[in-house]
């Protein structure tokens, strides 16, 4: 209640926590143990809490970790953490529940999707059409880049970060929640982006090379499984950068 009064926690969050706590209390009465809670509560210093949570999640999660890529910036070469689409795609394909929830809710609807988008400019001379039965094989993927205010929000001096994401257009078309299907790739402050020039590979060009390789990895498995293909790129997806 104190966190709500201070404006730190919303009423919705407090309600969700209260419901979860009530379920845990009932479980404790029935003899259920809560090893994660016991581990966190046993920490002697509060400043170690976040690190402990991260370590525990890293051990328990089956999701891929970001890959470190040498990325050129305006102030030199630095490591960038990039979540590769092909690794995330593969992880979802091994999880039936999340595969249907976030990537391919209904593979039988793929031909309907491609028929509806046949006149889209992005479909003209698309290389996927060289494959047999491509309408039933390829899951349409969109890449999106959008600037999001992260500092001084609402102020004249606010700063935005360019966030690069991807999602399954099939899942989007079949009514999936955006919060479930939009997958983060990488982000950058615009002023740190190094333009490409003669003899210099810039920041965005490096990213595109990485993404091209990542999607090629998915394509290489197209003979055994469904395949993701980037077909539709929004205007904000930095194609003109």
Foldseek 3Di string as FASTA:
>chain_A
DVCVVVVNDPPVVVVVVVVVVVVVVVVVVVVDDDVVVVVLVPDPDPVCNVVVVVVVCVVPDPQDWFDWDFFQWPVGTDTFGWDQPLRRLVVQVVPVVLCLQAANVDLVCQLVVCVVCVPPPLNPPDPLVVDPPSSSFEFEKEKAWDWDFDPPVPDPPTFTKIWIWMFTVNNVVVPHDPVSTTGTTGIGGPNTWADDDVVRQTRVNVVVVSRVVSLVVQVVCSVPHHHYDHRHYDPRNPPVD
